[in-house]
Amino acid sequence: MQAAAIAIDGQDVRLHRILSAMQALWYKETIMQASPTAISYEKGRYKETCGPCGAVFEVIVIGGPMAKSSQEQVEEYGCPECGQVDRCRGAEPPRVSLISKRTDGG
């Protein structure tokens, strides 16, 4: 079976070459549009006690697709009880879950 040919700018171009090029472009676009969370992973999980209010909460840090990823940056998160801000390095804001409420009576 012979591949179909078309003329572009006066030259014959085989159909399978065109289809291959189109498939490669589609694949590249699909990968580049992928959500960062689709290729992210749990980089770390730890319990933290808030200094000002005494609340205990869990922080889950999300990492990029590779170690020391260029997608990672400084991300801020807050105490779920008083809003005290802290920072970590990750690919997206960390997930914060309250374990025990504040103890300062506020």
PDB file of N, CA and C in Angstrom:
ATOM      1  N   MET A   1       0.846  -1.177   0.000  1.00  0.00           N
ATOM      2  CA  MET A   1       0.000   0.000   0.000  1.00  0.00           C
ATOM      3  C   MET A   1       0.888   1.237   0.000  1.00  0.00           C
ATOM      4  N   GLN A   2       0.582   2.141  -0.874  1.00  0.00           N
ATOM      5  CA  GLN A   2       1.393   3.344  -1.023  1.00  0.00           C
ATOM      6  C   GLN A   2       0.726   4.504  -0.282  1.00  0.00           C
ATOM      7  N   ALA A   3       1.518   5.307   0.429  1.00  0.00           N
ATOM      8  CA  ALA A   3       0.981   6.451   1.170  1.00  0.00           C
ATOM      9  C   ALA A   3       0.528   7.521   0.193  1.00  0.00           C
ATOM     10  N   ALA A   4      -0.547   8.172   0.509  1.00  0.00           N
ATOM     11  CA  ALA A   4      -1.055   9.252  -0.331  1.00  0.00           C
ATOM     12  C   ALA A   4      -0.102  10.432  -0.263  1.00  0.00           C
ATOM     13  N   ALA A   5      -0.013  11.184  -1.344  1.00  0.00           N
ATOM     14  CA  ALA A   5       0.868  12.344  -1.380  1.00  0.00           C
ATOM     15  C   ALA A   5       0.065  13.576  -1.765  1.00  0.00           C
ATOM     16  N   ILE A   6       0.424  14.710  -1.196  1.00  0.00           N
ATOM     17  CA  ILE A   6      -0.166  15.982  -1.576  1.00  0.00           C
ATOM     18  C   ILE A   6       0.972  16.953  -1.829  1.00  0.00           C
ATOM     19  N   ALA A   7       0.669  18.011  -2.549  1.00  0.00           N
ATOM     20  CA  ALA A   7       1.699  18.998  -2.858  1.00  0.00           C
ATOM     21  C   ALA A   7       1.560  20.205  -1.933  1.00  0.00           C
ATOM     22  N   ILE A   8       2.646  20.552  -1.264  1.00  0.00           N
ATOM     23  CA  ILE A   8       2.705  21.760  -0.443  1.00  0.00           C
ATOM     24  C   ILE A   8       3.930  22.527  -0.890  1.00  0.00           C
ATOM     25  N   ASP A   9       3.706  23.771  -1.307  1.00  0.00           N
ATOM     26  CA  ASP A   9       4.785  24.601  -1.839  1.00  0.00           C
ATOM     27  C   ASP A   9       5.549  23.885  -2.950  1.00  0.00           C
ATOM     28  N   GLY A  10       4.824  23.200  -3.791  1.00  0.00           N
ATOM     29  CA  GLY A  10       5.432  22.550  -4.943  1.00  0.00           C
ATOM     30  C   GLY A  10       6.142  21.242  -4.636  1.00  0.00           C
ATOM     31  N   GLN A  11       6.051  20.726  -3.406  1.00  0.00           N
ATOM     32  CA  GLN A  11       6.737  19.483  -3.058  1.00  0.00           C
ATOM     33  C   GLN A  11       5.717  18.450  -2.583  1.00  0.00           C
ATOM     34  N   ASP A  12       5.968  17.183  -2.946  1.00  0.00           N
ATOM     35  CA  ASP A  12       5.114  16.099  -2.489  1.00  0.00           C
ATOM     36  C   ASP A  12       5.400  15.809  -1.019  1.00  0.00           C
ATOM     37  N   VAL A  13       4.354  15.701  -0.262  1.00  0.00           N
ATOM     38  CA  VAL A  13       4.488  15.395   1.153  1.00  0.00           C
ATOM     39  C   VAL A  13       3.621  14.176   1.421  1.00  0.00           C
ATOM     40  N   ARG A  14       4.199  13.181   1.982  1.00  0.00           N
ATOM     41  CA  ARG A  14       3.473  11.953   2.271  1.00  0.00           C
ATOM     42  C   ARG A  14       2.504  12.175   3.422  1.00  0.00           C
ATOM     43  N   LEU A  15       1.328  11.620   3.300  1.00  0.00           N
ATOM     44  CA  LEU A  15       0.274  11.787   4.282  1.00  0.00           C
ATOM     45  C   LEU A  15       0.693  11.307   5.666  1.00  0.00           C
ATOM     46  N   HIS A  16       1.434  10.198   5.728  1.00  0.00           N
ATOM     47  CA  HIS A  16       1.834   9.696   7.048  1.00  0.00           C
ATOM     48  C   HIS A  16       2.767  10.672   7.759  1.00  0.00           C
ATOM     49  N   ARG A  17       3.563  11.431   7.033  1.00  0.00           N
ATOM     50  CA  ARG A  17       4.421  12.441   7.654  1.00  0.00           C
ATOM     51  C   ARG A  17       3.589  13.564   8.249  1.00  0.00           C
ATOM     52  N   ILE A  18       2.563  13.967   7.527  1.00  0.00           N
ATOM     53  CA  ILE A  18       1.686  15.022   8.015  1.00  0.00           C
ATOM     54  C   ILE A  18       0.958  14.554   9.269  1.00  0.00           C
ATOM     55  N   LEU A  19       0.423  13.345   9.209  1.00  0.00           N
ATOM     56  CA  LEU A  19      -0.292  12.817  10.369  1.00  0.00           C
ATOM     57  C   LEU A  19       0.634  12.662  11.573  1.00  0.00           C
ATOM     58  N   SER A  20       1.861  12.216  11.343  1.00  0.00           N
ATOM     59  CA  SER A  20       2.823  12.071  12.437  1.00  0.00           C
ATOM     60  C   SER A  20       3.134  13.419  13.075  1.00  0.00           C
ATOM     61  N   ALA A  21       3.309  14.422  12.252  1.00  0.00           N
ATOM     62  CA  ALA A  21       3.607  15.759  12.764  1.00  0.00           C
ATOM     63  C   ALA A  21       2.419  16.307  13.552  1.00  0.00           C
ATOM     64  N   MET A  22       1.210  16.076  13.043  1.00  0.00           N
ATOM     65  CA  MET A  22       0.010  16.541  13.751  1.00  0.00           C
ATOM     66  C   MET A  22      -0.146  15.827  15.086  1.00  0.00           C
ATOM     67  N   GLN A  23       0.141  14.533  15.117  1.00  0.00           N
ATOM     68  CA  GLN A  23       0.040  13.768  16.358  1.00  0.00           C
ATOM     69  C   GLN A  23       1.070  14.265  17.378  1.00  0.00           C
ATOM     70  N   ALA A  24       2.274  14.553  16.931  1.00  0.00           N
ATOM     71  CA  ALA A  24       3.320  15.054  17.830  1.00  0.00           C
ATOM     72  C   ALA A  24       2.918  16.413  18.423  1.00  0.00           C
ATOM     73  N   LEU A  25       2.345  17.280  17.609  1.00  0.00           N
ATOM     74  CA  LEU A  25       1.901  18.585  18.107  1.00  0.00           C
ATOM     75  C   LEU A  25       0.770  18.427  19.112  1.00  0.00           C
ATOM     76  N   TRP A  26      -0.179  17.543  18.819  1.00  0.00           N
ATOM     77  CA  TRP A  26      -1.288  17.302  19.732  1.00  0.00           C
ATOM     78  C   TRP A  26      -0.768  16.787  21.072  1.00  0.00           C
ATOM     79  N   TYR A  27       0.170  15.823  21.033  1.00  0.00           N
ATOM     80  CA  TYR A  27       0.731  15.248  22.250  1.00  0.00           C
ATOM     81  C   TYR A  27       1.431  16.321  23.070  1.00  0.00           C
ATOM     82  N   LYS A  28       2.222  17.152  22.424  1.00  0.00           N
ATOM     83  CA  LYS A  28       2.952  18.214  23.113  1.00  0.00           C
ATOM     84  C   LYS A  28       1.979  19.184  23.777  1.00  0.00           C
ATOM     85  N   GLU A  29       0.917  19.597  23.058  1.00  0.00           N
ATOM     86  CA  GLU A  29      -0.076  20.492  23.637  1.00  0.00           C
ATOM     87  C   GLU A  29      -0.782  19.859  24.821  1.00  0.00           C
ATOM     88  N   THR A  30      -1.120  18.582  24.702  1.00  0.00           N
ATOM     89  CA  THR A  30      -1.812  17.879  25.773  1.00  0.00           C
ATOM     90  C   THR A  30      -0.954  17.828  27.027  1.00  0.00           C
ATOM     91  N   ILE A  31       0.317  17.505  26.891  1.00  0.00           N
ATOM     92  CA  ILE A  31       1.233  17.439  28.029  1.00  0.00           C
ATOM     93  C   ILE A  31       1.402  18.815  28.660  1.00  0.00           C
ATOM     94  N   MET A  32       1.548  19.847  27.842  1.00  0.00           N
ATOM     95  CA  MET A  32       1.777  21.188  28.369  1.00  0.00           C
ATOM     96  C   MET A  32       0.541  21.739  29.077  1.00  0.00           C
ATOM     97  N   GLN A  33      -0.657  21.280  28.690  1.00  0.00           N
ATOM     98  CA  GLN A  33      -1.875  21.764  29.320  1.00  0.00           C
ATOM     99  C   GLN A  33      -2.276  20.926  30.521  1.00  0.00           C
ATOM    100  N   ALA A  34      -1.537  19.880  30.814  1.00  0.00           N
ATOM    101  CA  ALA A  34      -1.883  19.005  31.936  1.00  0.00           C
ATOM    102  C   ALA A  34      -1.853  19.792  33.238  1.00  0.00           C
ATOM    103  N   SER A  35      -2.763  19.490  34.088  1.00  0.00           N
ATOM    104  CA  SER A  35      -2.832  20.146  35.388  1.00  0.00           C
ATOM    105  C   SER A  35      -1.604  19.780  36.221  1.00  0.00           C
ATOM    106  N   PRO A  36      -0.981  20.761  36.915  1.00  0.00           N
ATOM    107  CA  PRO A  36       0.161  20.445  37.757  1.00  0.00           C
ATOM    108  C   PRO A  36      -0.154  19.406  38.828  1.00  0.00           C
ATOM    109  N   THR A  37      -1.406  19.392  39.286  1.00  0.00           N
ATOM    110  CA  THR A  37      -1.753  18.426  40.318  1.00  0.00           C
ATOM    111  C   THR A  37      -1.811  17.015  39.775  1.00  0.00           C
ATOM    112  N   ALA A  38      -1.977  16.884  38.446  1.00  0.00           N
ATOM    113  CA  ALA A  38      -2.037  15.541  37.867  1.00  0.00           C
ATOM    114  C   ALA A  38      -0.685  14.842  37.962  1.00  0.00           C
ATOM    115  N   ILE A  39       0.383  15.622  38.060  1.00  0.00           N
ATOM    116  CA  ILE A  39       1.708  15.025  38.125  1.00  0.00           C
ATOM    117  C   ILE A  39       2.412  15.385  39.436  1.00  0.00           C
ATOM    118  N   SER A  40       1.665  15.901  40.374  1.00  0.00           N
ATOM    119  CA  SER A  40       2.226  16.265  41.668  1.00  0.00           C
ATOM    120  C   SER A  40       2.173  15.065  42.615  1.00  0.00           C
ATOM    121  N   TYR A  41       2.846  15.197  43.737  1.00  0.00           N
ATOM    122  CA  TYR A  41       2.872  14.123  44.721  1.00  0.00           C
ATOM    123  C   TYR A  41       2.934  14.738  46.123  1.00  0.00           C
ATOM    124  N   GLU A  42       2.653  13.915  47.109  1.00  0.00           N
ATOM    125  CA  GLU A  42       2.735  14.370  48.497  1.00  0.00           C
ATOM    126  C   GLU A  42       4.205  14.417  48.889  1.00  0.00           C
ATOM    127  N   LYS A  43       4.720  15.610  49.073  1.00  0.00           N
ATOM    128  CA  LYS A  43       6.137  15.804  49.378  1.00  0.00           C
ATOM    129  C   LYS A  43       6.427  15.630  50.864  1.00  0.00           C
ATOM    130  N   GLY A  44       5.470  16.002  51.695  1.00  0.00           N
ATOM    131  CA  GLY A  44       5.659  15.894  53.132  1.00  0.00           C
ATOM    132  C   GLY A  44       4.345  16.057  53.870  1.00  0.00           C
ATOM    133  N   ARG A  45       4.280  15.466  55.064  1.00  0.00           N
ATOM    134  CA  ARG A  45       3.084  15.537  55.913  1.00  0.00           C
ATOM    135  C   ARG A  45       3.572  15.655  57.346  1.00  0.00           C
ATOM    136  N   TYR A  46       3.097  16.678  58.050  1.00  0.00           N
ATOM    137  CA  TYR A  46       3.533  16.845  59.434  1.00  0.00           C
ATOM    138  C   TYR A  46       2.470  17.568  60.252  1.00  0.00           C
ATOM    139  N   LYS A  47       2.552  17.390  61.569  1.00  0.00           N
ATOM    140  CA  LYS A  47       1.671  18.089  62.504  1.00  0.00           C
ATOM    141  C   LYS A  47       2.386  19.336  62.983  1.00  0.00           C
ATOM    142  N   GLU A  48       1.613  20.383  63.155  1.00  0.00           N
ATOM    143  CA  GLU A  48       2.181  21.648  63.608  1.00  0.00           C
ATOM    144  C   GLU A  48       1.292  22.229  64.697  1.00  0.00           C
ATOM    145  N   THR A  49       1.912  22.840  65.691  1.00  0.00           N
ATOM    146  CA  THR A  49       1.181  23.535  66.748  1.00  0.00           C
ATOM    147  C   THR A  49       1.383  25.030  66.546  1.00  0.00           C
ATOM    148  N   CYS A  50       0.295  25.752  66.486  1.00  0.00           N
ATOM    149  CA  CYS A  50       0.353  27.198  66.275  1.00  0.00           C
ATOM    150  C   CYS A  50       0.860  27.874  67.548  1.00  0.00           C
ATOM    151  N   GLY A  51       1.888  28.686  67.431  1.00  0.00           N
ATOM    152  CA  GLY A  51       2.443  29.394  68.575  1.00  0.00           C
ATOM    153  C   GLY A  51       1.463  30.343  69.235  1.00  0.00           C
ATOM    154  N   PRO A  52       0.801  31.227  68.483  1.00  0.00           N
ATOM    155  CA  PRO A  52      -0.103  32.197  69.107  1.00  0.00           C
ATOM    156  C   PRO A  52      -1.361  31.603  69.760  1.00  0.00           C
ATOM    157  N   CYS A  53      -1.987  30.595  69.129  1.00  0.00           N
ATOM    158  CA  CYS A  53      -3.272  30.130  69.670  1.00  0.00           C
ATOM    159  C   CYS A  53      -3.261  28.709  70.225  1.00  0.00           C
ATOM    160  N   GLY A  54      -2.256  27.915  69.926  1.00  0.00           N
ATOM    161  CA  GLY A  54      -2.159  26.562  70.460  1.00  0.00           C
ATOM    162  C   GLY A  54      -2.897  25.488  69.667  1.00  0.00           C
ATOM    163  N   ALA A  55      -3.528  25.853  68.560  1.00  0.00           N
ATOM    164  CA  ALA A  55      -4.227  24.862  67.734  1.00  0.00           C
ATOM    165  C   ALA A  55      -3.223  23.888  67.131  1.00  0.00           C
ATOM    166  N   VAL A  56      -3.654  22.641  66.952  1.00  0.00           N
ATOM    167  CA  VAL A  56      -2.809  21.631  66.304  1.00  0.00           C
ATOM    168  C   VAL A  56      -3.453  21.302  64.968  1.00  0.00           C
ATOM    169  N   PHE A  57      -2.638  21.300  63.911  1.00  0.00           N
ATOM    170  CA  PHE A  57      -3.161  20.999  62.582  1.00  0.00           C
ATOM    171  C   PHE A  57      -2.135  20.228  61.763  1.00  0.00           C
ATOM    172  N   GLU A  58      -2.633  19.558  60.743  1.00  0.00           N
ATOM    173  CA  GLU A  58      -1.779  18.779  59.849  1.00  0.00           C
ATOM    174  C   GLU A  58      -1.555  19.575  58.570  1.00  0.00           C
ATOM    175  N   VAL A  59      -0.316  19.569  58.087  1.00  0.00           N
ATOM    176  CA  VAL A  59       0.044  20.252  56.856  1.00  0.00           C
ATOM    177  C   VAL A  59       0.530  19.198  55.870  1.00  0.00           C
ATOM    178  N   ILE A  60      -0.052  19.194  54.667  1.00  0.00           N
ATOM    179  CA  ILE A  60       0.390  18.286  53.604  1.00  0.00           C
ATOM    180  C   ILE A  60       0.972  19.144  52.494  1.00  0.00           C
ATOM    181  N   VAL A  61       2.273  18.992  52.252  1.00  0.00           N
ATOM    182  CA  VAL A  61       2.981  19.777  51.246  1.00  0.00           C
ATOM    183  C   VAL A  61       2.976  19.001  49.935  1.00  0.00           C
ATOM    184  N   ILE A  62       2.609  19.696  48.845  1.00  0.00           N
ATOM    185  CA  ILE A  62       2.522  19.087  47.518  1.00  0.00           C
ATOM    186  C   ILE A  62       3.769  19.458  46.726  1.00  0.00           C
ATOM    187  N   GLY A  63       4.458  18.431  46.194  1.00  0.00           N
ATOM    188  CA  GLY A  63       5.675  18.655  45.423  1.00  0.00           C
ATOM    189  C   GLY A  63       5.419  18.604  43.930  1.00  0.00           C
ATOM    190  N   GLY A  64       6.382  19.100  43.169  1.00  0.00           N
ATOM    191  CA  GLY A  64       6.308  19.080  41.710  1.00  0.00           C
ATOM    192  C   GLY A  64       6.681  17.722  41.162  1.00  0.00           C
ATOM    193  N   PRO A  65       6.697  17.584  39.837  1.00  0.00           N
ATOM    194  CA  PRO A  65       6.937  16.289  39.217  1.00  0.00           C
ATOM    195  C   PRO A  65       8.341  15.735  39.422  1.00  0.00           C
ATOM    196  N   MET A  66       9.309  16.588  39.713  1.00  0.00           N
ATOM    197  CA  MET A  66      10.678  16.122  39.925  1.00  0.00           C
ATOM    198  C   MET A  66      11.254  16.797  41.163  1.00  0.00           C
ATOM    199  N   ALA A  67      12.267  16.178  41.734  1.00  0.00           N
ATOM    200  CA  ALA A  67      12.928  16.776  42.895  1.00  0.00           C
ATOM    201  C   ALA A  67      13.487  18.141  42.499  1.00  0.00           C
ATOM    202  N   LYS A  68      13.382  19.090  43.408  1.00  0.00           N
ATOM    203  CA  LYS A  68      13.841  20.464  43.167  1.00  0.00           C
ATOM    204  C   LYS A  68      13.220  21.034  41.894  1.00  0.00           C
ATOM    205  N   SER A  69      11.957  20.768  41.717  1.00  0.00           N
ATOM    206  CA  SER A  69      11.235  21.179  40.525  1.00  0.00           C
ATOM    207  C   SER A  69      11.202  22.695  40.379  1.00  0.00           C
ATOM    208  N   SER A  70      11.289  23.154  39.152  1.00  0.00           N
ATOM    209  CA  SER A  70      11.185  24.588  38.902  1.00  0.00           C
ATOM    210  C   SER A  70       9.752  25.067  39.123  1.00  0.00           C
ATOM    211  N   GLN A  71       8.801  24.127  39.217  1.00  0.00           N
ATOM    212  CA  GLN A  71       7.415  24.496  39.491  1.00  0.00           C
ATOM    213  C   GLN A  71       7.205  24.795  40.970  1.00  0.00           C
ATOM    214  N   GLU A  72       8.130  24.403  41.801  1.00  0.00           N
ATOM    215  CA  GLU A  72       7.987  24.644  43.231  1.00  0.00           C
ATOM    216  C   GLU A  72       8.397  26.074  43.568  1.00  0.00           C
ATOM    217  N   GLN A  73       7.673  26.641  44.522  1.00  0.00           N
ATOM    218  CA  GLN A  73       7.951  28.000  44.970  1.00  0.00           C
ATOM    219  C   GLN A  73       7.528  28.124  46.429  1.00  0.00           C
ATOM    220  N   VAL A  74       7.772  29.271  47.013  1.00  0.00           N
ATOM    221  CA  VAL A  74       7.360  29.490  48.399  1.00  0.00           C
ATOM    222  C   VAL A  74       5.837  29.625  48.416  1.00  0.00           C
ATOM    223  N   GLU A  75       5.205  28.809  49.231  1.00  0.00           N
ATOM    224  CA  GLU A  75       3.744  28.819  49.372  1.00  0.00           C
ATOM    225  C   GLU A  75       3.396  29.182  50.810  1.00  0.00           C
ATOM    226  N   GLU A  76       2.387  30.010  50.982  1.00  0.00           N
ATOM    227  CA  GLU A  76       1.935  30.395  52.316  1.00  0.00           C
ATOM    228  C   GLU A  76       0.721  29.577  52.717  1.00  0.00           C
ATOM    229  N   TYR A  77       0.589  29.327  54.006  1.00  0.00           N
ATOM    230  CA  TYR A  77      -0.599  28.685  54.561  1.00  0.00           C
ATOM    231  C   TYR A  77      -0.840  29.290  55.929  1.00  0.00           C
ATOM    232  N   GLY A  78      -2.068  29.158  56.411  1.00  0.00           N
ATOM    233  CA  GLY A  78      -2.401  29.762  57.687  1.00  0.00           C
ATOM    234  C   GLY A  78      -2.987  28.768  58.671  1.00  0.00           C
ATOM    235  N   CYS A  79      -2.855  29.098  59.929  1.00  0.00           N
ATOM    236  CA  CYS A  79      -3.484  28.314  60.985  1.00  0.00           C
ATOM    237  C   CYS A  79      -4.989  28.354  60.746  1.00  0.00           C
ATOM    238  N   PRO A  80      -5.667  27.213  60.749  1.00  0.00           N
ATOM    239  CA  PRO A  80      -7.105  27.216  60.494  1.00  0.00           C
ATOM    240  C   PRO A  80      -7.930  27.881  61.599  1.00  0.00           C
ATOM    241  N   GLU A  81      -7.333  28.126  62.763  1.00  0.00           N
ATOM    242  CA  GLU A  81      -8.062  28.755  63.863  1.00  0.00           C
ATOM    243  C   GLU A  81      -7.835  30.269  63.932  1.00  0.00           C
ATOM    244  N   CYS A  82      -6.578  30.704  63.875  1.00  0.00           N
ATOM    245  CA  CYS A  82      -6.312  32.139  64.045  1.00  0.00           C
ATOM    246  C   CYS A  82      -5.752  32.821  62.796  1.00  0.00           C
ATOM    247  N   GLY A  83      -5.352  32.043  61.807  1.00  0.00           N
ATOM    248  CA  GLY A  83      -4.853  32.634  60.567  1.00  0.00           C
ATOM    249  C   GLY A  83      -3.374  32.976  60.561  1.00  0.00           C
ATOM    250  N   GLN A  84      -2.647  32.631  61.626  1.00  0.00           N
ATOM    251  CA  GLN A  84      -1.201  32.872  61.675  1.00  0.00           C
ATOM    252  C   GLN A  84      -0.559  32.285  60.425  1.00  0.00           C
ATOM    253  N   VAL A  85       0.206  33.092  59.681  1.00  0.00           N
ATOM    254  CA  VAL A  85       0.769  32.672  58.398  1.00  0.00           C
ATOM    255  C   VAL A  85       2.132  32.017  58.577  1.00  0.00           C
ATOM    256  N   ASP A  86       2.352  30.936  57.844  1.00  0.00           N
ATOM    257  CA  ASP A  86       3.650  30.263  57.790  1.00  0.00           C
ATOM    258  C   ASP A  86       3.934  29.946  56.329  1.00  0.00           C
ATOM    259  N   ARG A  87       5.110  29.462  56.025  1.00  0.00           N
ATOM    260  CA  ARG A  87       5.509  29.206  54.638  1.00  0.00           C
ATOM    261  C   ARG A  87       6.164  27.840  54.495  1.00  0.00           C
ATOM    262  N   CYS A  88       6.065  27.313  53.285  1.00  0.00           N
ATOM    263  CA  CYS A  88       6.769  26.079  52.918  1.00  0.00           C
ATOM    264  C   CYS A  88       7.112  26.186  51.435  1.00  0.00           C
ATOM    265  N   ARG A  89       7.835  25.229  50.932  1.00  0.00           N
ATOM    266  CA  ARG A  89       8.176  25.213  49.513  1.00  0.00           C
ATOM    267  C   ARG A  89       7.433  24.059  48.862  1.00  0.00           C
ATOM    268  N   GLY A  90       6.647  24.361  47.833  1.00  0.00           N
ATOM    269  CA  GLY A  90       5.876  23.331  47.159  1.00  0.00           C
ATOM    270  C   GLY A  90       5.397  23.781  45.793  1.00  0.00           C
ATOM    271  N   ALA A  91       4.694  22.885  45.114  1.00  0.00           N
ATOM    272  CA  ALA A  91       4.196  23.167  43.775  1.00  0.00           C
ATOM    273  C   ALA A  91       2.840  23.874  43.804  1.00  0.00           C
ATOM    274  N   GLU A  92       2.162  23.834  44.933  1.00  0.00           N
ATOM    275  CA  GLU A  92       0.875  24.498  45.109  1.00  0.00           C
ATOM    276  C   GLU A  92       0.667  24.722  46.598  1.00  0.00           C
ATOM    277  N   PRO A  93      -0.321  25.541  46.974  1.00  0.00           N
ATOM    278  CA  PRO A  93      -0.533  25.754  48.409  1.00  0.00           C
ATOM    279  C   PRO A  93      -0.788  24.429  49.128  1.00  0.00           C
ATOM    280  N   PRO A  94      -0.222  24.274  50.320  1.00  0.00           N
ATOM    281  CA  PRO A  94      -0.398  23.011  51.046  1.00  0.00           C
ATOM    282  C   PRO A  94      -1.830  22.840  51.544  1.00  0.00           C
ATOM    283  N   ARG A  95      -2.191  21.604  51.832  1.00  0.00           N
ATOM    284  CA  ARG A  95      -3.502  21.297  52.415  1.00  0.00           C
ATOM    285  C   ARG A  95      -3.356  21.323  53.933  1.00  0.00           C
ATOM    286  N   VAL A  96      -4.246  22.021  54.588  1.00  0.00           N
ATOM    287  CA  VAL A  96      -4.189  22.182  56.039  1.00  0.00           C
ATOM    288  C   VAL A  96      -5.479  21.641  56.647  1.00  0.00           C
ATOM    289  N   SER A  97      -5.354  20.757  57.664  1.00  0.00           N
ATOM    290  CA  SER A  97      -6.518  20.176  58.336  1.00  0.00           C
ATOM    291  C   SER A  97      -6.372  20.354  59.846  1.00  0.00           C
ATOM    292  N   LEU A  98      -7.408  20.872  60.461  1.00  0.00           N
ATOM    293  CA  LEU A  98      -7.405  21.080  61.907  1.00  0.00           C
ATOM    294  C   LEU A  98      -7.503  19.753  62.642  1.00  0.00           C
ATOM    295  N   ILE A  99      -6.639  19.549  63.634  1.00  0.00           N
ATOM    296  CA  ILE A  99      -6.666  18.338  64.467  1.00  0.00           C
ATOM    297  C   ILE A  99      -7.303  18.664  65.797  1.00  0.00           C
ATOM    298  N   SER A 100      -6.843  19.749  66.454  1.00  0.00           N
ATOM    299  CA  SER A 100      -7.488  20.163  67.709  1.00  0.00           C
ATOM    300  C   SER A 100      -7.567  21.694  67.750  1.00  0.00           C
ATOM    301  N   LYS A 101      -8.653  22.191  68.311  1.00  0.00           N
ATOM    302  CA  LYS A 101      -8.944  23.630  68.340  1.00  0.00           C
ATOM    303  C   LYS A 101      -7.949  24.401  69.212  1.00  0.00           C
ATOM    304  N   ARG A 102      -8.015  25.689  69.073  1.00  0.00           N
ATOM    305  CA  ARG A 102      -7.136  26.587  69.830  1.00  0.00           C
ATOM    306  C   ARG A 102      -7.313  26.410  71.336  1.00  0.00           C
ATOM    307  N   THR A 103      -6.244  26.690  72.064  1.00  0.00           N
ATOM    308  CA  THR A 103      -6.259  26.503  73.517  1.00  0.00           C
ATOM    309  C   THR A 103      -6.146  27.832  74.276  1.00  0.00           C
ATOM    310  N   ASP A 104      -6.063  28.942  73.547  1.00  0.00           N
ATOM    311  CA  ASP A 104      -5.871  30.230  74.212  1.00  0.00           C
ATOM    312  C   ASP A 104      -7.185  30.889  74.624  1.00  0.00           C
ATOM    313  N   GLY A 105      -8.313  30.224  74.360  1.00  0.00           N
ATOM    314  CA  GLY A 105      -9.604  30.767  74.760  1.00  0.00           C
ATOM    315  C   GLY A 105     -10.148  31.833  73.822  1.00  0.00           C
ATOM    316  N   GLY A 106      -9.476  32.077  72.692  1.00  0.00           N
ATOM    317  CA  GLY A 106      -9.893  33.126  71.761  1.00  0.00           C
ATOM    318  C   GLY A 106     -10.838  32.720  70.768  1.00  0.00           C
TER     319      GLY A 106
END
